[in-house]
Amino acid sequence: MNIIIVNGSPKRGGQCEKLIKMFNEGINAEIIDVFFENISPCTDCGGCRDSGKCVIEDDMTKHYGEIAEMDIIVFASPLYFSSLTGIMMNFLSRFQVFFYNGELIKKEKRAILLLTGGGTTKKTDISERQLKIALTAIKGKLMDTIAFTETDRKSVEESQGTKEKIDRVKAKLIYNKIS
């Protein structure tokens, strides 16, 4: 079972990174910190439609093969106005190459969404819809969302409910029961 974690948080040591560490414990998946890479958004230039590959030369180039090979991709992001971060959206917009070149994806993908937020942000439906649309390009399906939306009041490590949900989702992954 191949798993990667795509971290869309701009903050080192923040709540999103803590949630990722909790999830990654015992799995030891590779983490892609997209905020600290040079990843431009898709410009809809048509290059991938015409050539079958993205013509933008940046750090995203090295991730296309990883995405194609993964069984499970965990996407993690703080919520900004109930949405994924801009850099995560840049990353997801580059899935356009898979849309035009579907044979790059050999197997269906399963996805997990990890979210953090505070204040009035309590709903995850906008970010889930954003991810689900991008997942169609990689033959992916969102299997579960783990959201900790109390970052203004406490740390994710203090949330027993979040830890329990992580454990349930990981148990499904380990026993391959996410369907």
N, C-alpha and C. Protein backbone atom coordinates (compact mmCIF):
# COMPACT_ATOMS: atom_id res chain seq x y z
N MET A 1 0.84 -1.17 0.00
CA MET A 1 0.00 0.00 0.00
C MET A 1 0.89 1.24 0.00
N ASN A 2 0.81 2.02 -1.07
CA ASN A 2 1.60 3.23 -1.21
C ASN A 2 0.79 4.42 -0.77
N ILE A 3 1.35 5.20 0.16
CA ILE A 3 0.65 6.37 0.70
C ILE A 3 1.59 7.57 0.69
N ILE A 4 1.07 8.72 0.25
CA ILE A 4 1.78 9.99 0.43
C ILE A 4 0.82 10.97 1.11
N ILE A 5 1.41 11.95 1.76
CA ILE A 5 0.65 13.01 2.39
C ILE A 5 1.04 14.32 1.73
N VAL A 6 0.07 15.05 1.24
CA VAL A 6 0.30 16.35 0.62
C VAL A 6 -0.13 17.42 1.62
N ASN A 7 0.84 18.18 2.11
CA ASN A 7 0.60 19.20 3.12
C ASN A 7 0.49 20.57 2.46
N GLY A 8 -0.67 21.19 2.57
CA GLY A 8 -0.89 22.50 1.99
C GLY A 8 -0.79 23.65 2.97
N SER A 9 -0.23 23.39 4.14
CA SER A 9 -0.13 24.44 5.15
C SER A 9 1.14 25.27 4.97
N PRO A 10 1.02 26.59 5.16
CA PRO A 10 2.19 27.44 5.09
C PRO A 10 2.96 27.54 6.41
N LYS A 11 2.46 26.87 7.43
CA LYS A 11 3.00 27.07 8.78
C LYS A 11 3.70 25.81 9.28
N ARG A 12 4.95 25.96 9.59
CA ARG A 12 5.70 24.86 10.22
C ARG A 12 5.33 24.79 11.69
N GLY A 13 5.07 23.58 12.18
CA GLY A 13 4.76 23.39 13.59
C GLY A 13 3.35 23.78 13.98
N GLY A 14 2.52 24.10 13.01
CA GLY A 14 1.15 24.51 13.30
C GLY A 14 0.22 23.32 13.51
N GLN A 15 -1.05 23.64 13.66
CA GLN A 15 -2.06 22.61 13.94
C GLN A 15 -2.17 21.58 12.81
N CYS A 16 -2.06 22.03 11.57
CA CYS A 16 -2.16 21.11 10.44
C CYS A 16 -1.00 20.10 10.47
N GLU A 17 0.20 20.60 10.73
CA GLU A 17 1.35 19.70 10.82
C GLU A 17 1.20 18.72 11.98
N LYS A 18 0.64 19.17 13.08
CA LYS A 18 0.40 18.28 14.23
C LYS A 18 -0.61 17.19 13.86
N LEU A 19 -1.64 17.56 13.12
CA LEU A 19 -2.63 16.58 12.68
C LEU A 19 -1.99 15.57 11.73
N ILE A 20 -1.14 16.05 10.84
CA ILE A 20 -0.42 15.15 9.93
C ILE A 20 0.44 14.17 10.71
N LYS A 21 1.17 14.67 11.70
CA LYS A 21 2.03 13.79 12.50
C LYS A 21 1.21 12.72 13.22
N MET A 22 0.05 13.11 13.75
CA MET A 22 -0.82 12.13 14.41
C MET A 22 -1.26 11.06 13.41
N PHE A 23 -1.63 11.49 12.21
CA PHE A 23 -2.09 10.55 11.20
C PHE A 23 -0.94 9.66 10.72
N ASN A 24 0.22 10.24 10.55
CA ASN A 24 1.37 9.52 9.97
C ASN A 24 2.06 8.57 10.95
N GLU A 25 1.73 8.68 12.22
CA GLU A 25 2.34 7.81 13.22
C GLU A 25 2.04 6.35 12.89
N GLY A 26 3.10 5.56 12.73
CA GLY A 26 2.95 4.15 12.41
C GLY A 26 2.81 3.87 10.92
N ILE A 27 2.57 4.90 10.13
CA ILE A 27 2.45 4.72 8.67
C ILE A 27 3.75 5.14 8.00
N ASN A 28 4.31 6.26 8.45
CA ASN A 28 5.56 6.81 7.93
C ASN A 28 5.51 7.07 6.43
N ALA A 29 4.45 7.73 5.99
CA ALA A 29 4.31 8.10 4.59
C ALA A 29 5.21 9.27 4.27
N GLU A 30 5.60 9.39 3.02
CA GLU A 30 6.33 10.56 2.55
C GLU A 30 5.40 11.76 2.62
N ILE A 31 5.93 12.91 3.02
CA ILE A 31 5.15 14.13 3.09
C ILE A 31 5.67 15.12 2.05
N ILE A 32 4.77 15.62 1.24
CA ILE A 32 5.10 16.67 0.28
C ILE A 32 4.59 17.98 0.87
N ASP A 33 5.50 18.88 1.19
CA ASP A 33 5.13 20.20 1.74
C ASP A 33 5.03 21.18 0.57
N VAL A 34 3.84 21.27 -0.04
CA VAL A 34 3.70 22.04 -1.27
C VAL A 34 3.94 23.54 -1.07
N PHE A 35 3.70 24.06 0.12
CA PHE A 35 3.93 25.48 0.34
C PHE A 35 5.40 25.85 0.17
N PHE A 36 6.29 24.93 0.46
CA PHE A 36 7.72 25.20 0.41
C PHE A 36 8.36 24.74 -0.90
N GLU A 37 7.52 24.50 -1.89
CA GLU A 37 8.00 24.14 -3.22
C GLU A 37 7.54 25.21 -4.21
N ASN A 38 8.14 25.20 -5.37
CA ASN A 38 7.76 26.11 -6.43
C ASN A 38 6.73 25.40 -7.32
N ILE A 39 5.44 25.62 -7.01
CA ILE A 39 4.38 25.00 -7.78
C ILE A 39 3.43 26.09 -8.27
N SER A 40 3.45 26.31 -9.57
CA SER A 40 2.59 27.31 -10.18
C SER A 40 1.21 26.71 -10.44
N PRO A 41 0.19 27.55 -10.55
CA PRO A 41 -1.13 27.03 -10.90
C PRO A 41 -1.18 26.67 -12.39
N CYS A 42 -2.14 25.84 -12.75
CA CYS A 42 -2.40 25.55 -14.16
C CYS A 42 -2.80 26.86 -14.83
N THR A 43 -2.29 27.08 -16.04
CA THR A 43 -2.62 28.29 -16.78
C THR A 43 -3.57 28.01 -17.94
N ASP A 44 -4.05 26.79 -18.03
CA ASP A 44 -4.96 26.39 -19.12
C ASP A 44 -4.36 26.72 -20.48
N CYS A 45 -3.07 26.44 -20.63
CA CYS A 45 -2.38 26.76 -21.88
C CYS A 45 -2.67 25.74 -22.98
N GLY A 46 -3.18 24.56 -22.59
CA GLY A 46 -3.47 23.52 -23.57
C GLY A 46 -2.29 22.61 -23.85
N GLY A 47 -1.16 22.88 -23.22
CA GLY A 47 0.04 22.07 -23.48
C GLY A 47 -0.17 20.59 -23.15
N CYS A 48 -0.82 20.30 -22.03
CA CYS A 48 -1.03 18.90 -21.66
C CYS A 48 -2.03 18.22 -22.58
N ARG A 49 -2.97 18.99 -23.09
CA ARG A 49 -3.95 18.43 -24.03
C ARG A 49 -3.24 18.06 -25.34
N ASP A 50 -2.30 18.90 -25.76
CA ASP A 50 -1.62 18.69 -27.03
C ASP A 50 -0.46 17.70 -26.94
N SER A 51 0.29 17.75 -25.82
CA SER A 51 1.49 16.92 -25.72
C SER A 51 1.36 15.73 -24.77
N GLY A 52 0.34 15.73 -23.92
CA GLY A 52 0.18 14.64 -22.95
C GLY A 52 0.95 14.86 -21.67
N LYS A 53 1.66 15.98 -21.57
CA LYS A 53 2.39 16.28 -20.34
C LYS A 53 2.32 17.77 -20.08
N CYS A 54 2.51 18.12 -18.82
CA CYS A 54 2.48 19.53 -18.43
C CYS A 54 3.74 20.22 -18.95
N VAL A 55 3.56 21.40 -19.53
CA VAL A 55 4.69 22.13 -20.08
C VAL A 55 5.30 23.12 -19.07
N ILE A 56 4.66 23.28 -17.91
CA ILE A 56 5.22 24.15 -16.88
C ILE A 56 6.36 23.40 -16.19
N GLU A 57 7.52 24.01 -16.15
CA GLU A 57 8.68 23.40 -15.53
C GLU A 57 8.88 23.97 -14.14
N ASP A 58 8.44 23.23 -13.15
CA ASP A 58 8.61 23.62 -11.76
C ASP A 58 8.63 22.35 -10.90
N ASP A 59 8.49 22.49 -9.60
CA ASP A 59 8.60 21.33 -8.71
C ASP A 59 7.47 20.32 -8.87
N MET A 60 6.38 20.71 -9.47
CA MET A 60 5.27 19.76 -9.66
C MET A 60 5.68 18.61 -10.56
N THR A 61 6.59 18.86 -11.46
CA THR A 61 7.04 17.83 -12.41
C THR A 61 7.45 16.55 -11.71
N LYS A 62 8.15 16.67 -10.59
CA LYS A 62 8.64 15.48 -9.88
C LYS A 62 7.52 14.72 -9.16
N HIS A 63 6.36 15.32 -9.02
CA HIS A 63 5.28 14.66 -8.28
C HIS A 63 4.30 13.88 -9.16
N TYR A 64 4.33 14.09 -10.46
CA TYR A 64 3.37 13.39 -11.31
C TYR A 64 3.51 11.87 -11.22
N GLY A 65 4.73 11.37 -11.22
CA GLY A 65 4.95 9.93 -11.11
C GLY A 65 4.50 9.38 -9.77
N GLU A 66 4.77 10.14 -8.71
CA GLU A 66 4.33 9.71 -7.37
C GLU A 66 2.81 9.60 -7.30
N ILE A 67 2.14 10.60 -7.82
CA ILE A 67 0.68 10.60 -7.79
C ILE A 67 0.13 9.41 -8.58
N ALA A 68 0.71 9.16 -9.72
CA ALA A 68 0.26 8.05 -10.57
C ALA A 68 0.41 6.71 -9.87
N GLU A 69 1.45 6.55 -9.07
CA GLU A 69 1.75 5.26 -8.43
C GLU A 69 1.05 5.03 -7.10
N MET A 70 0.58 6.07 -6.46
CA MET A 70 0.03 5.94 -5.11
C MET A 70 -1.31 5.22 -5.10
N ASP A 71 -1.51 4.48 -4.02
CA ASP A 71 -2.81 3.88 -3.75
C ASP A 71 -3.68 4.85 -2.97
N ILE A 72 -3.05 5.52 -2.00
CA ILE A 72 -3.77 6.42 -1.10
C ILE A 72 -3.01 7.74 -1.03
N ILE A 73 -3.76 8.84 -1.19
CA ILE A 73 -3.18 10.17 -1.05
C ILE A 73 -3.95 10.89 0.05
N VAL A 74 -3.20 11.37 1.02
CA VAL A 74 -3.78 12.13 2.12
C VAL A 74 -3.51 13.60 1.83
N PHE A 75 -4.56 14.39 1.77
CA PHE A 75 -4.44 15.82 1.53
C PHE A 75 -4.72 16.54 2.85
N ALA A 76 -3.80 17.42 3.26
CA ALA A 76 -3.95 18.14 4.53
C ALA A 76 -3.88 19.63 4.27
N SER A 77 -4.81 20.36 4.90
CA SER A 77 -4.83 21.80 4.69
C SER A 77 -5.52 22.49 5.85
N PRO A 78 -5.02 23.65 6.24
CA PRO A 78 -5.84 24.50 7.11
C PRO A 78 -6.96 25.07 6.25
N LEU A 79 -8.04 25.40 6.88
CA LEU A 79 -9.16 26.01 6.18
C LEU A 79 -9.03 27.52 6.21
N TYR A 80 -9.08 28.14 5.05
CA TYR A 80 -9.10 29.59 4.92
C TYR A 80 -10.44 29.95 4.29
N PHE A 81 -11.31 30.57 5.07
CA PHE A 81 -12.66 30.89 4.61
C PHE A 81 -13.36 29.62 4.10
N SER A 82 -13.19 28.53 4.84
CA SER A 82 -13.78 27.22 4.56
C SER A 82 -13.21 26.54 3.32
N SER A 83 -12.13 27.06 2.76
CA SER A 83 -11.53 26.49 1.55
C SER A 83 -10.13 25.96 1.82
N LEU A 84 -9.65 25.16 0.91
CA LEU A 84 -8.27 24.71 0.93
C LEU A 84 -7.36 25.90 0.69
N THR A 85 -6.11 25.81 1.09
CA THR A 85 -5.17 26.91 0.86
C THR A 85 -4.92 27.11 -0.63
N GLY A 86 -4.50 28.30 -0.98
CA GLY A 86 -4.21 28.62 -2.38
C GLY A 86 -3.16 27.72 -2.98
N ILE A 87 -2.10 27.43 -2.23
CA ILE A 87 -1.04 26.58 -2.77
C ILE A 87 -1.55 25.15 -2.98
N MET A 88 -2.45 24.68 -2.13
CA MET A 88 -3.05 23.36 -2.36
C MET A 88 -3.88 23.38 -3.65
N MET A 89 -4.58 24.48 -3.87
CA MET A 89 -5.36 24.60 -5.10
C MET A 89 -4.44 24.64 -6.32
N ASN A 90 -3.27 25.31 -6.21
CA ASN A 90 -2.29 25.27 -7.30
C ASN A 90 -1.91 23.83 -7.62
N PHE A 91 -1.60 23.08 -6.56
CA PHE A 91 -1.21 21.67 -6.71
C PHE A 91 -2.31 20.89 -7.40
N LEU A 92 -3.54 21.04 -6.93
CA LEU A 92 -4.66 20.29 -7.49
C LEU A 92 -4.98 20.72 -8.92
N SER A 93 -4.80 22.01 -9.23
CA SER A 93 -5.08 22.47 -10.59
C SER A 93 -4.17 21.80 -11.61
N ARG A 94 -3.03 21.38 -11.18
CA ARG A 94 -2.07 20.74 -12.09
C ARG A 94 -2.45 19.28 -12.39
N PHE A 95 -3.51 18.77 -11.76
CA PHE A 95 -4.03 17.44 -12.11
C PHE A 95 -4.65 17.45 -13.50
N GLN A 96 -4.76 18.63 -14.10
CA GLN A 96 -5.32 18.74 -15.45
C GLN A 96 -4.59 17.83 -16.43
N VAL A 97 -3.30 17.63 -16.22
CA VAL A 97 -2.53 16.75 -17.10
C VAL A 97 -3.08 15.32 -17.06
N PHE A 98 -3.56 14.88 -15.90
CA PHE A 98 -4.14 13.55 -15.79
C PHE A 98 -5.50 13.49 -16.47
N PHE A 99 -6.23 14.61 -16.44
CA PHE A 99 -7.52 14.67 -17.11
C PHE A 99 -7.35 14.43 -18.61
N TYR A 100 -6.35 15.08 -19.20
CA TYR A 100 -6.12 14.95 -20.63
C TYR A 100 -5.32 13.70 -21.00
N ASN A 101 -4.62 13.13 -20.05
CA ASN A 101 -3.79 11.96 -20.33
C ASN A 101 -4.13 10.88 -19.31
N GLY A 102 -5.34 10.38 -19.37
CA GLY A 102 -5.87 9.43 -18.39
C GLY A 102 -5.10 8.15 -18.27
N GLU A 103 -4.37 7.76 -19.30
CA GLU A 103 -3.62 6.50 -19.21
C GLU A 103 -2.44 6.58 -18.25
N LEU A 104 -2.12 7.79 -17.77
CA LEU A 104 -1.07 7.92 -16.75
C LEU A 104 -1.49 7.28 -15.44
N ILE A 105 -2.78 7.24 -15.17
CA ILE A 105 -3.31 6.67 -13.93
C ILE A 105 -3.71 5.23 -14.20
N LYS A 106 -2.98 4.30 -13.61
CA LYS A 106 -3.20 2.87 -13.84
C LYS A 106 -4.22 2.27 -12.89
N LYS A 107 -4.42 2.89 -11.73
CA LYS A 107 -5.33 2.32 -10.75
C LYS A 107 -6.07 3.44 -10.03
N GLU A 108 -7.24 3.11 -9.52
CA GLU A 108 -8.01 4.09 -8.77
C GLU A 108 -7.29 4.48 -7.49
N LYS A 109 -7.50 5.71 -7.10
CA LYS A 109 -6.88 6.25 -5.89
C LYS A 109 -7.93 6.43 -4.80
N ARG A 110 -7.50 6.26 -3.59
CA ARG A 110 -8.32 6.58 -2.44
C ARG A 110 -7.70 7.78 -1.76
N ALA A 111 -8.54 8.68 -1.26
CA ALA A 111 -8.04 9.91 -0.65
C ALA A 111 -8.65 10.10 0.73
N ILE A 112 -7.84 10.69 1.58
CA ILE A 112 -8.25 11.11 2.92
C ILE A 112 -7.98 12.60 2.98
N LEU A 113 -8.88 13.36 3.60
CA LEU A 113 -8.71 14.79 3.74
C LEU A 113 -8.57 15.14 5.22
N LEU A 114 -7.46 15.80 5.56
CA LEU A 114 -7.22 16.28 6.91
C LEU A 114 -7.35 17.80 6.90
N LEU A 115 -8.19 18.33 7.78
CA LEU A 115 -8.44 19.76 7.82
C LEU A 115 -8.30 20.31 9.23
N THR A 116 -7.81 21.54 9.32
CA THR A 116 -7.79 22.25 10.59
C THR A 116 -8.38 23.63 10.38
N GLY A 117 -8.98 24.16 11.43
CA GLY A 117 -9.55 25.49 11.34
C GLY A 117 -10.04 25.95 12.70
N GLY A 118 -10.36 27.20 12.78
CA GLY A 118 -10.87 27.75 14.03
C GLY A 118 -11.86 28.85 13.76
N GLY A 119 -12.21 29.53 14.81
CA GLY A 119 -13.16 30.63 14.66
C GLY A 119 -14.52 30.12 14.25
N THR A 120 -15.08 30.74 13.24
CA THR A 120 -16.42 30.35 12.78
C THR A 120 -16.39 29.22 11.76
N THR A 121 -15.20 28.80 11.36
CA THR A 121 -15.09 27.73 10.36
C THR A 121 -15.43 26.39 11.01
N LYS A 122 -16.55 25.83 10.63
CA LYS A 122 -16.96 24.53 11.18
C LYS A 122 -17.34 23.55 10.06
N LYS A 123 -17.67 24.06 8.89
CA LYS A 123 -18.11 23.20 7.80
C LYS A 123 -16.95 22.85 6.88
N THR A 124 -16.99 21.65 6.35
CA THR A 124 -15.91 21.18 5.48
C THR A 124 -16.40 20.91 4.07
N ASP A 125 -17.66 21.19 3.77
CA ASP A 125 -18.23 20.81 2.49
C ASP A 125 -17.57 21.52 1.30
N ILE A 126 -17.16 22.76 1.45
CA ILE A 126 -16.53 23.47 0.33
C ILE A 126 -15.20 22.83 -0.02
N SER A 127 -14.36 22.59 0.97
CA SER A 127 -13.05 21.98 0.71
C SER A 127 -13.21 20.55 0.20
N GLU A 128 -14.19 19.82 0.71
CA GLU A 128 -14.42 18.46 0.21
C GLU A 128 -14.83 18.49 -1.26
N ARG A 129 -15.70 19.42 -1.63
CA ARG A 129 -16.11 19.53 -3.04
C ARG A 129 -14.92 19.91 -3.92
N GLN A 130 -14.08 20.84 -3.44
CA GLN A 130 -12.91 21.22 -4.22
C GLN A 130 -12.02 20.00 -4.49
N LEU A 131 -11.78 19.21 -3.45
CA LEU A 131 -10.94 18.03 -3.62
C LEU A 131 -11.59 16.98 -4.51
N LYS A 132 -12.86 16.73 -4.31
CA LYS A 132 -13.56 15.71 -5.12
C LYS A 132 -13.49 16.02 -6.61
N ILE A 133 -13.61 17.29 -6.97
CA ILE A 133 -13.51 17.66 -8.38
C ILE A 133 -12.13 17.33 -8.93
N ALA A 134 -11.08 17.68 -8.18
CA ALA A 134 -9.71 17.37 -8.62
C ALA A 134 -9.47 15.87 -8.67
N LEU A 135 -10.06 15.14 -7.74
CA LEU A 135 -9.85 13.68 -7.70
C LEU A 135 -10.39 12.97 -8.93
N THR A 136 -11.37 13.55 -9.59
CA THR A 136 -11.90 12.89 -10.80
C THR A 136 -10.81 12.72 -11.86
N ALA A 137 -9.85 13.65 -11.90
CA ALA A 137 -8.78 13.58 -12.89
C ALA A 137 -7.80 12.44 -12.62
N ILE A 138 -7.72 11.97 -11.37
CA ILE A 138 -6.78 10.90 -11.04
C ILE A 138 -7.51 9.61 -10.65
N LYS A 139 -8.76 9.52 -11.06
CA LYS A 139 -9.58 8.35 -10.73
C LYS A 139 -9.59 8.11 -9.22
N GLY A 140 -9.80 9.19 -8.50
CA GLY A 140 -9.75 9.14 -7.05
C GLY A 140 -11.11 9.30 -6.41
N LYS A 141 -11.19 8.80 -5.19
CA LYS A 141 -12.43 8.89 -4.43
C LYS A 141 -12.08 9.30 -3.00
N LEU A 142 -12.78 10.32 -2.52
CA LEU A 142 -12.59 10.76 -1.14
C LEU A 142 -13.26 9.75 -0.22
N MET A 143 -12.46 9.13 0.63
CA MET A 143 -12.97 8.09 1.51
C MET A 143 -13.38 8.61 2.87
N ASP A 144 -12.67 9.62 3.36
CA ASP A 144 -12.98 10.13 4.69
C ASP A 144 -12.36 11.51 4.88
N THR A 145 -12.97 12.28 5.75
CA THR A 145 -12.45 13.60 6.14
C THR A 145 -12.29 13.62 7.65
N ILE A 146 -11.13 14.06 8.09
CA ILE A 146 -10.87 14.26 9.52
C ILE A 146 -10.64 15.75 9.70
N ALA A 147 -11.54 16.39 10.43
CA ALA A 147 -11.46 17.85 10.60
C ALA A 147 -11.38 18.21 12.07
N PHE A 148 -10.40 19.02 12.40
CA PHE A 148 -10.28 19.59 13.73
C PHE A 148 -10.50 21.09 13.59
N THR A 149 -11.67 21.57 14.03
CA THR A 149 -12.04 22.97 13.80
C THR A 149 -12.12 23.78 15.10
N GLU A 150 -11.24 23.46 16.02
CA GLU A 150 -11.21 24.17 17.29
C GLU A 150 -9.83 24.77 17.57
N THR A 151 -9.08 25.09 16.52
CA THR A 151 -7.71 25.56 16.71
C THR A 151 -7.61 26.87 17.46
N ASP A 152 -8.70 27.62 17.53
CA ASP A 152 -8.68 28.87 18.27
C ASP A 152 -8.84 28.64 19.77
N ARG A 153 -9.22 27.42 20.16
CA ARG A 153 -9.46 27.14 21.58
C ARG A 153 -8.50 26.12 22.18
N LYS A 154 -7.99 25.20 21.36
CA LYS A 154 -7.09 24.19 21.90
C LYS A 154 -6.24 23.59 20.79
N SER A 155 -5.29 22.79 21.20
CA SER A 155 -4.40 22.12 20.26
C SER A 155 -5.00 20.79 19.82
N VAL A 156 -4.69 20.40 18.62
CA VAL A 156 -5.21 19.14 18.08
C VAL A 156 -4.86 17.95 18.97
N GLU A 157 -3.70 18.02 19.64
CA GLU A 157 -3.30 16.91 20.52
C GLU A 157 -4.24 16.74 21.71
N GLU A 158 -4.98 17.78 22.04
CA GLU A 158 -5.92 17.74 23.17
C GLU A 158 -7.28 17.14 22.78
N SER A 159 -7.49 16.87 21.51
CA SER A 159 -8.79 16.41 21.03
C SER A 159 -8.84 14.88 20.98
N GLN A 160 -9.45 14.29 21.97
CA GLN A 160 -9.58 12.83 22.00
C GLN A 160 -10.43 12.34 20.83
N GLY A 161 -11.46 13.08 20.47
CA GLY A 161 -12.33 12.68 19.35
C GLY A 161 -11.58 12.63 18.03
N THR A 162 -10.69 13.60 17.81
CA THR A 162 -9.90 13.62 16.59
C THR A 162 -8.95 12.43 16.56
N LYS A 163 -8.30 12.17 17.67
CA LYS A 163 -7.38 11.03 17.76
C LYS A 163 -8.12 9.72 17.50
N GLU A 164 -9.31 9.58 18.06
CA GLU A 164 -10.09 8.36 17.85
C GLU A 164 -10.49 8.19 16.39
N LYS A 165 -10.88 9.29 15.73
CA LYS A 165 -11.24 9.20 14.31
C LYS A 165 -10.03 8.83 13.48
N ILE A 166 -8.88 9.41 13.78
CA ILE A 166 -7.65 9.05 13.07
C ILE A 166 -7.38 7.57 13.22
N ASP A 167 -7.49 7.06 14.43
CA ASP A 167 -7.24 5.63 14.69
C ASP A 167 -8.21 4.75 13.89
N ARG A 168 -9.48 5.14 13.81
CA ARG A 168 -10.46 4.36 13.04
C ARG A 168 -10.11 4.35 11.55
N VAL A 169 -9.76 5.52 11.01
CA VAL A 169 -9.43 5.61 9.59
C VAL A 169 -8.16 4.82 9.29
N LYS A 170 -7.16 4.94 10.16
CA LYS A 170 -5.91 4.19 9.95
C LYS A 170 -6.14 2.69 10.04
N ALA A 171 -7.01 2.25 10.95
CA ALA A 171 -7.32 0.82 11.06
C ALA A 171 -7.93 0.32 9.75
N LYS A 172 -8.80 1.14 9.16
CA LYS A 172 -9.38 0.76 7.87
C LYS A 172 -8.29 0.65 6.81
N LEU A 173 -7.35 1.60 6.83
CA LEU A 173 -6.26 1.56 5.86
C LEU A 173 -5.39 0.33 6.03
N ILE A 174 -5.02 0.06 7.27
CA ILE A 174 -4.14 -1.07 7.56
C ILE A 174 -4.78 -2.39 7.17
N TYR A 175 -6.06 -2.51 7.44
CA TYR A 175 -6.75 -3.75 7.10
C TYR A 175 -7.43 -3.68 5.74
N ASN A 176 -7.10 -2.60 4.99
CA ASN A 176 -7.55 -2.44 3.62
C ASN A 176 -9.06 -2.53 3.49
N LYS A 177 -9.76 -1.93 4.42
CA LYS A 177 -11.21 -2.02 4.41
C LYS A 177 -11.90 -0.75 3.97
N ILE A 178 -11.14 0.23 3.46
CA ILE A 178 -11.79 1.41 2.91
C ILE A 178 -12.24 1.05 1.51
N SER A 179 -13.51 1.19 1.28
CA SER A 179 -14.01 0.86 -0.06
C SER A 179 -14.90 1.95 -0.59
